[in-house]
Each structure stands twice: as structure tokens, then as C-alpha cells.
Amino acid sequence: MLEKKQLAPMFSSPNQDNKTINLSDFKARKHVVLYFYPKDDTPGCTIEANQFTELAGEFAANDAVVIGVSKDSCASHQAFIDKFGLKVDLLADTSGAVCDAYGVWQEKDKNGVKKMGIVRSTFVIDKAGILQEVIYGVTAEGHASAMLARVKTLE
């Protein structure tokens, strides 16, 4: 598992438009709120994406970009964005490489059944590429506003 003050793992993955997004695209320019979620268009994931979208302008005003990551395809992400009018980039980590780099692909226990899945997690990465916030096991409701408050403390 990652910890605060570590260098954020580099990533490169296609977004909903099949355009490759790299962490290095934002270095020295933007803070990055990188959030991982289990699946497009499911209740908790929809709450989280909608709340990040509601605050997208405030994140932008604080030099921050919000990027969601799941193992869903680019087409699934585009349908999710279209359905809810989302204003965040969603990365299609179909290989699981980004999930592995950030330690969010973990064994989960649901109703006594153990299986691997994405643990809802968020990482706030400053303009220098350093992890300023590392949260595993996020609760979707209210999380976006908590992350906005955290971004506002960054230089």
C-alpha cells in the first residue's frame, strides 16, 4: 500500500475518448485527484462521480483535475459519462496495471464470498508528483467535498 509523501506511481491509460492520459501530463501544472472505483453506473460509483462532477469547477479553480479509474472499457466510461453528464475523465484500466501500481486491486469479502476487486480509494497528487493524501476504503457519499477541502490546502 502506498503512503503519503511518496512519489506517485506513474500511469498511462486511455480515457473515455480513447485518448491516452499520463500522470506526467499534469506535472508542475495541476494537482491530480485520482480516484478508483469498482464499476461504472453502480449506486456508490454514480454518487461519487456525480459529486465530483458537481464540484468540477471548484477543483479547476484550485488547479486540480479529477480523474476516475476502473477496469471498465472506454465505451462503458463514455456511456456512464453520457448518462449522467459527468465532467471528469475516466480511465479504462482494462489491464489492471494502474490498479496494481496504486494497490487498490485487493481481495474483498461480500456476504462471505471472497473475490478480487477494486477497493474504492483516492489519491491526491500535488504538482510535484508527490502523494499528499492516500485513502483506501473510501465511502462515496461526501467524499468529493472532503477531497476539495484537501486540495485547497495545497500550494
C-alpha atoms as a PDB file:
ATOM      1  CA  MET A   1       0.000   0.000   0.000  1.00  0.00           C
ATOM      2  CA  LEU A   2       1.113   3.492  -0.780  1.00  0.00           C
ATOM      3  CA  GLU A   3       1.680   6.182   1.831  1.00  0.00           C
ATOM      4  CA  LYS A   4       1.639   9.983   1.969  1.00  0.00           C
ATOM      5  CA  LYS A   5       4.789  11.820   0.857  1.00  0.00           C
ATOM      6  CA  GLN A   6       5.814   9.033  -1.549  1.00  0.00           C
ATOM      7  CA  LEU A   7       6.327   9.745  -5.230  1.00  0.00           C
ATOM      8  CA  ALA A   8       3.085   8.835  -7.012  1.00  0.00           C
ATOM      9  CA  PRO A   9       3.397   5.836  -9.338  1.00  0.00           C
ATOM     10  CA  MET A  10       3.391   6.907 -12.991  1.00  0.00           C
ATOM     11  CA  PHE A  11       0.398   5.848 -15.038  1.00  0.00           C
ATOM     12  CA  SER A  12      -0.643   5.867 -18.664  1.00  0.00           C
ATOM     13  CA  SER A  13      -4.128   4.741 -19.631  1.00  0.00           C
ATOM     14  CA  PRO A  14      -6.829   5.599 -22.183  1.00  0.00           C
ATOM     15  CA  ASN A  15      -9.776   7.745 -21.128  1.00  0.00           C
ATOM     16  CA  GLN A  16     -13.385   7.600 -22.307  1.00  0.00           C
ATOM     17  CA  ASP A  17     -12.336   9.138 -25.659  1.00  0.00           C
ATOM     18  CA  ASN A  18      -9.568   6.526 -26.082  1.00  0.00           C
ATOM     19  CA  LYS A  19      -7.019   9.339 -25.578  1.00  0.00           C
ATOM     20  CA  THR A  20      -4.008   8.294 -23.502  1.00  0.00           C
ATOM     21  CA  ILE A  21      -3.691  10.202 -20.233  1.00  0.00           C
ATOM     22  CA  ASN A  22      -0.370  10.171 -18.361  1.00  0.00           C
ATOM     23  CA  LEU A  23       0.353  11.432 -14.855  1.00  0.00           C
ATOM     24  CA  SER A  24       3.276  13.353 -16.372  1.00  0.00           C
ATOM     25  CA  ASP A  25       0.753  15.407 -18.426  1.00  0.00           C
ATOM     26  CA  PHE A  26      -0.054  17.339 -15.231  1.00  0.00           C
ATOM     27  CA  LYS A  27       3.366  17.681 -13.584  1.00  0.00           C
ATOM     28  CA  ALA A  28       4.124  21.247 -12.472  1.00  0.00           C
ATOM     29  CA  ARG A  29       0.718  22.339 -13.864  1.00  0.00           C
ATOM     30  CA  LYS A  30      -2.086  20.651 -11.917  1.00  0.00           C
ATOM     31  CA  HIS A  31      -2.808  18.736  -8.762  1.00  0.00           C
ATOM     32  CA  VAL A  32      -4.423  15.382  -9.528  1.00  0.00           C
ATOM     33  CA  VAL A  33      -7.256  13.776  -7.567  1.00  0.00           C
ATOM     34  CA  LEU A  34      -7.046  10.161  -8.730  1.00  0.00           C
ATOM     35  CA  TYR A  35      -9.959   8.083  -7.549  1.00  0.00           C
ATOM     36  CA  PHE A  36     -10.513   4.382  -8.095  1.00  0.00           C
ATOM     37  CA  TYR A  37     -13.984   2.879  -8.140  1.00  0.00           C
ATOM     38  CA  PRO A  38     -15.334  -0.640  -8.765  1.00  0.00           C
ATOM     39  CA  LYS A  39     -17.740  -0.260 -11.703  1.00  0.00           C
ATOM     40  CA  ASP A  40     -19.479   2.257 -13.963  1.00  0.00           C
ATOM     41  CA  ASP A  41     -23.166   3.012 -13.363  1.00  0.00           C
ATOM     42  CA  THR A  42     -23.479   1.276  -9.990  1.00  0.00           C
ATOM     43  CA  PRO A  43     -25.018   3.093  -6.988  1.00  0.00           C
ATOM     44  CA  GLY A  44     -21.922   4.118  -4.975  1.00  0.00           C
ATOM     45  CA  CYS A  45     -19.838   4.812  -8.059  1.00  0.00           C
ATOM     46  CA  THR A  46     -22.589   7.007  -9.514  1.00  0.00           C
ATOM     47  CA  ILE A  47     -22.876   9.017  -6.278  1.00  0.00           C
ATOM     48  CA  GLU A  48     -19.118   9.579  -6.213  1.00  0.00           C
ATOM     49  CA  ALA A  49     -18.868  10.543  -9.906  1.00  0.00           C
ATOM     50  CA  ASN A  50     -21.860  12.908  -9.666  1.00  0.00           C
ATOM     51  CA  GLN A  51     -20.446  14.623  -6.574  1.00  0.00           C
ATOM     52  CA  PHE A  52     -17.022  15.089  -8.215  1.00  0.00           C
ATOM     53  CA  THR A  53     -18.847  16.493 -11.270  1.00  0.00           C
ATOM     54  CA  GLU A  54     -20.831  18.958  -9.130  1.00  0.00           C
ATOM     55  CA  LEU A  55     -17.528  20.303  -7.773  1.00  0.00           C
ATOM     56  CA  ALA A  56     -15.549  20.117 -11.045  1.00  0.00           C
ATOM     57  CA  GLY A  57     -15.445  23.916 -11.399  1.00  0.00           C
ATOM     58  CA  GLU A  58     -14.114  24.354  -7.868  1.00  0.00           C
ATOM     59  CA  PHE A  59     -11.439  21.697  -8.405  1.00  0.00           C
ATOM     60  CA  ALA A  60     -10.406  23.505 -11.617  1.00  0.00           C
ATOM     61  CA  ALA A  61     -10.325  26.851  -9.784  1.00  0.00           C
ATOM     62  CA  ASN A  62      -7.852  25.254  -7.347  1.00  0.00           C
ATOM     63  CA  ASP A  63      -5.528  23.966 -10.101  1.00  0.00           C
ATOM     64  CA  ALA A  64      -6.763  20.394  -9.750  1.00  0.00           C
ATOM     65  CA  VAL A  65      -8.013  17.802 -12.181  1.00  0.00           C
ATOM     66  CA  VAL A  66     -10.206  14.865 -11.106  1.00  0.00           C
ATOM     67  CA  ILE A  67      -9.636  11.503 -12.786  1.00  0.00           C
ATOM     68  CA  GLY A  68     -11.617   8.348 -12.078  1.00  0.00           C
ATOM     69  CA  VAL A  69     -10.195   4.878 -12.747  1.00  0.00           C
ATOM     70  CA  SER A  70     -11.868   1.484 -13.077  1.00  0.00           C
ATOM     71  CA  LYS A  71     -11.339  -1.631 -15.178  1.00  0.00           C
ATOM     72  CA  ASP A  72     -14.336  -0.772 -17.380  1.00  0.00           C
ATOM     73  CA  SER A  73     -13.782  -0.150 -21.107  1.00  0.00           C
ATOM     74  CA  CYS A  74     -13.574   3.243 -22.821  1.00  0.00           C
ATOM     75  CA  ALA A  75     -17.053   2.627 -24.305  1.00  0.00           C
ATOM     76  CA  SER A  76     -18.502   1.827 -20.868  1.00  0.00           C
ATOM     77  CA  HIS A  77     -16.957   5.025 -19.478  1.00  0.00           C
ATOM     78  CA  GLN A  78     -18.393   7.100 -22.335  1.00  0.00           C
ATOM     79  CA  ALA A  79     -21.872   5.654 -21.747  1.00  0.00           C
ATOM     80  CA  PHE A  80     -21.553   6.411 -17.990  1.00  0.00           C
ATOM     81  CA  ILE A  81     -20.485   9.998 -18.745  1.00  0.00           C
ATOM     82  CA  ASP A  82     -23.289  10.476 -21.272  1.00  0.00           C
ATOM     83  CA  LYS A  83     -25.964   9.040 -18.967  1.00  0.00           C
ATOM     84  CA  PHE A  84     -25.122  11.347 -16.046  1.00  0.00           C
ATOM     85  CA  GLY A  85     -23.442  14.330 -17.749  1.00  0.00           C
ATOM     86  CA  LEU A  86     -20.199  13.669 -15.876  1.00  0.00           C
ATOM     87  CA  LYS A  87     -17.411  16.238 -16.067  1.00  0.00           C
ATOM     88  CA  VAL A  88     -14.466  14.044 -15.060  1.00  0.00           C
ATOM     89  CA  ASP A  89     -12.089  11.962 -17.156  1.00  0.00           C
ATOM     90  CA  LEU A  90     -12.474   8.232 -16.589  1.00  0.00           C
ATOM     91  CA  LEU A  91      -9.515   5.969 -17.315  1.00  0.00           C
ATOM     92  CA  ALA A  92     -10.063   2.479 -18.699  1.00  0.00           C
ATOM     93  CA  ASP A  93      -7.532   0.376 -16.796  1.00  0.00           C
ATOM     94  CA  THR A  94      -8.567  -2.827 -18.557  1.00  0.00           C
ATOM     95  CA  SER A  95      -5.154  -4.442 -17.935  1.00  0.00           C
ATOM     96  CA  GLY A  96      -5.256  -3.587 -14.229  1.00  0.00           C
ATOM     97  CA  ALA A  97      -1.768  -2.041 -14.353  1.00  0.00           C
ATOM     98  CA  VAL A  98      -2.823   1.269 -12.748  1.00  0.00           C
ATOM     99  CA  CYS A  99      -4.882  -0.539 -10.086  1.00  0.00           C
ATOM    100  CA  ASP A 100      -1.865  -2.719  -9.268  1.00  0.00           C
ATOM    101  CA  ALA A 101       0.529   0.258  -9.124  1.00  0.00           C
ATOM    102  CA  TYR A 102      -1.731   2.017  -6.599  1.00  0.00           C
ATOM    103  CA  GLY A 103      -2.509  -1.131  -4.575  1.00  0.00           C
ATOM    104  CA  VAL A 104      -6.292  -0.932  -4.990  1.00  0.00           C
ATOM    105  CA  TRP A 105      -6.799  -4.403  -6.520  1.00  0.00           C
ATOM    106  CA  GLN A 106      -7.438  -6.378  -3.347  1.00  0.00           C
ATOM    107  CA  GLU A 107      -9.358  -9.335  -2.007  1.00  0.00           C
ATOM    108  CA  LYS A 108     -12.835  -8.242  -0.953  1.00  0.00           C
ATOM    109  CA  ASP A 109     -15.373 -10.093   1.159  1.00  0.00           C
ATOM    110  CA  LYS A 110     -19.023  -9.632   0.209  1.00  0.00           C
ATOM    111  CA  ASN A 111     -21.619 -11.744   2.024  1.00  0.00           C
ATOM    112  CA  GLY A 112     -18.962 -14.290   2.952  1.00  0.00           C
ATOM    113  CA  VAL A 113     -17.699 -14.647  -0.624  1.00  0.00           C
ATOM    114  CA  LYS A 114     -14.092 -13.642  -1.197  1.00  0.00           C
ATOM    115  CA  LYS A 115     -13.103 -12.262  -4.592  1.00  0.00           C
ATOM    116  CA  MET A 116     -10.650  -9.790  -6.065  1.00  0.00           C
ATOM    117  CA  GLY A 117     -11.880  -6.298  -6.864  1.00  0.00           C
ATOM    118  CA  ILE A 118     -11.133  -2.605  -6.777  1.00  0.00           C
ATOM    119  CA  VAL A 119     -11.221  -1.133  -3.276  1.00  0.00           C
ATOM    120  CA  ARG A 120     -12.700   2.368  -3.577  1.00  0.00           C
ATOM    121  CA  SER A 121      -9.649   4.584  -2.970  1.00  0.00           C
ATOM    122  CA  THR A 122      -8.445   8.125  -3.614  1.00  0.00           C
ATOM    123  CA  PHE A 123      -5.013   9.668  -4.036  1.00  0.00           C
ATOM    124  CA  VAL A 124      -4.286  13.403  -4.058  1.00  0.00           C
ATOM    125  CA  ILE A 125      -1.111  14.064  -6.023  1.00  0.00           C
ATOM    126  CA  ASP A 126       0.478  17.513  -5.905  1.00  0.00           C
ATOM    127  CA  LYS A 127       2.070  19.343  -8.824  1.00  0.00           C
ATOM    128  CA  ALA A 128       5.458  17.833  -7.945  1.00  0.00           C
ATOM    129  CA  GLY A 129       4.046  14.304  -8.261  1.00  0.00           C
ATOM    130  CA  ILE A 130       4.035  13.607  -4.508  1.00  0.00           C
ATOM    131  CA  LEU A 131       1.158  11.792  -2.779  1.00  0.00           C
ATOM    132  CA  GLN A 132      -0.423  14.273  -0.362  1.00  0.00           C
ATOM    133  CA  GLU A 133      -3.413  12.091   0.504  1.00  0.00           C
ATOM    134  CA  VAL A 134      -3.806   8.288   0.381  1.00  0.00           C
ATOM    135  CA  ILE A 135      -7.172   6.839   1.374  1.00  0.00           C
ATOM    136  CA  TYR A 136      -8.133   3.186   0.930  1.00  0.00           C
ATOM    137  CA  GLY A 137     -11.713   2.095   1.635  1.00  0.00           C
ATOM    138  CA  VAL A 138     -13.467   5.367   0.769  1.00  0.00           C
ATOM    139  CA  THR A 139     -17.163   5.981   1.450  1.00  0.00           C
ATOM    140  CA  ALA A 140     -18.669   7.557  -1.692  1.00  0.00           C
ATOM    141  CA  GLU A 141     -21.136   9.982  -0.089  1.00  0.00           C
ATOM    142  CA  GLY A 142     -19.494  13.335   0.713  1.00  0.00           C
ATOM    143  CA  HIS A 143     -16.059  12.185  -0.411  1.00  0.00           C
ATOM    144  CA  ALA A 144     -15.702  14.701  -3.256  1.00  0.00           C
ATOM    145  CA  SER A 145     -16.206  17.689  -0.953  1.00  0.00           C
ATOM    146  CA  ALA A 146     -13.673  16.268   1.515  1.00  0.00           C
ATOM    147  CA  MET A 147     -11.133  15.944  -1.314  1.00  0.00           C
ATOM    148  CA  LEU A 148     -11.843  19.509  -2.477  1.00  0.00           C
ATOM    149  CA  ALA A 149     -11.113  20.744   1.058  1.00  0.00           C
ATOM    150  CA  ARG A 150      -7.823  18.801   0.961  1.00  0.00           C
ATOM    151  CA  VAL A 151      -6.857  20.226  -2.454  1.00  0.00           C
ATOM    152  CA  LYS A 152      -7.446  23.753  -1.129  1.00  0.00           C
ATOM    153  CA  THR A 153      -4.633  23.183   1.405  1.00  0.00           C
ATOM    154  CA  LEU A 154      -2.054  22.501  -1.329  1.00  0.00           C
ATOM    155  CA  GLU A 155       0.333  25.155  -2.650  1.00  0.00           C
END
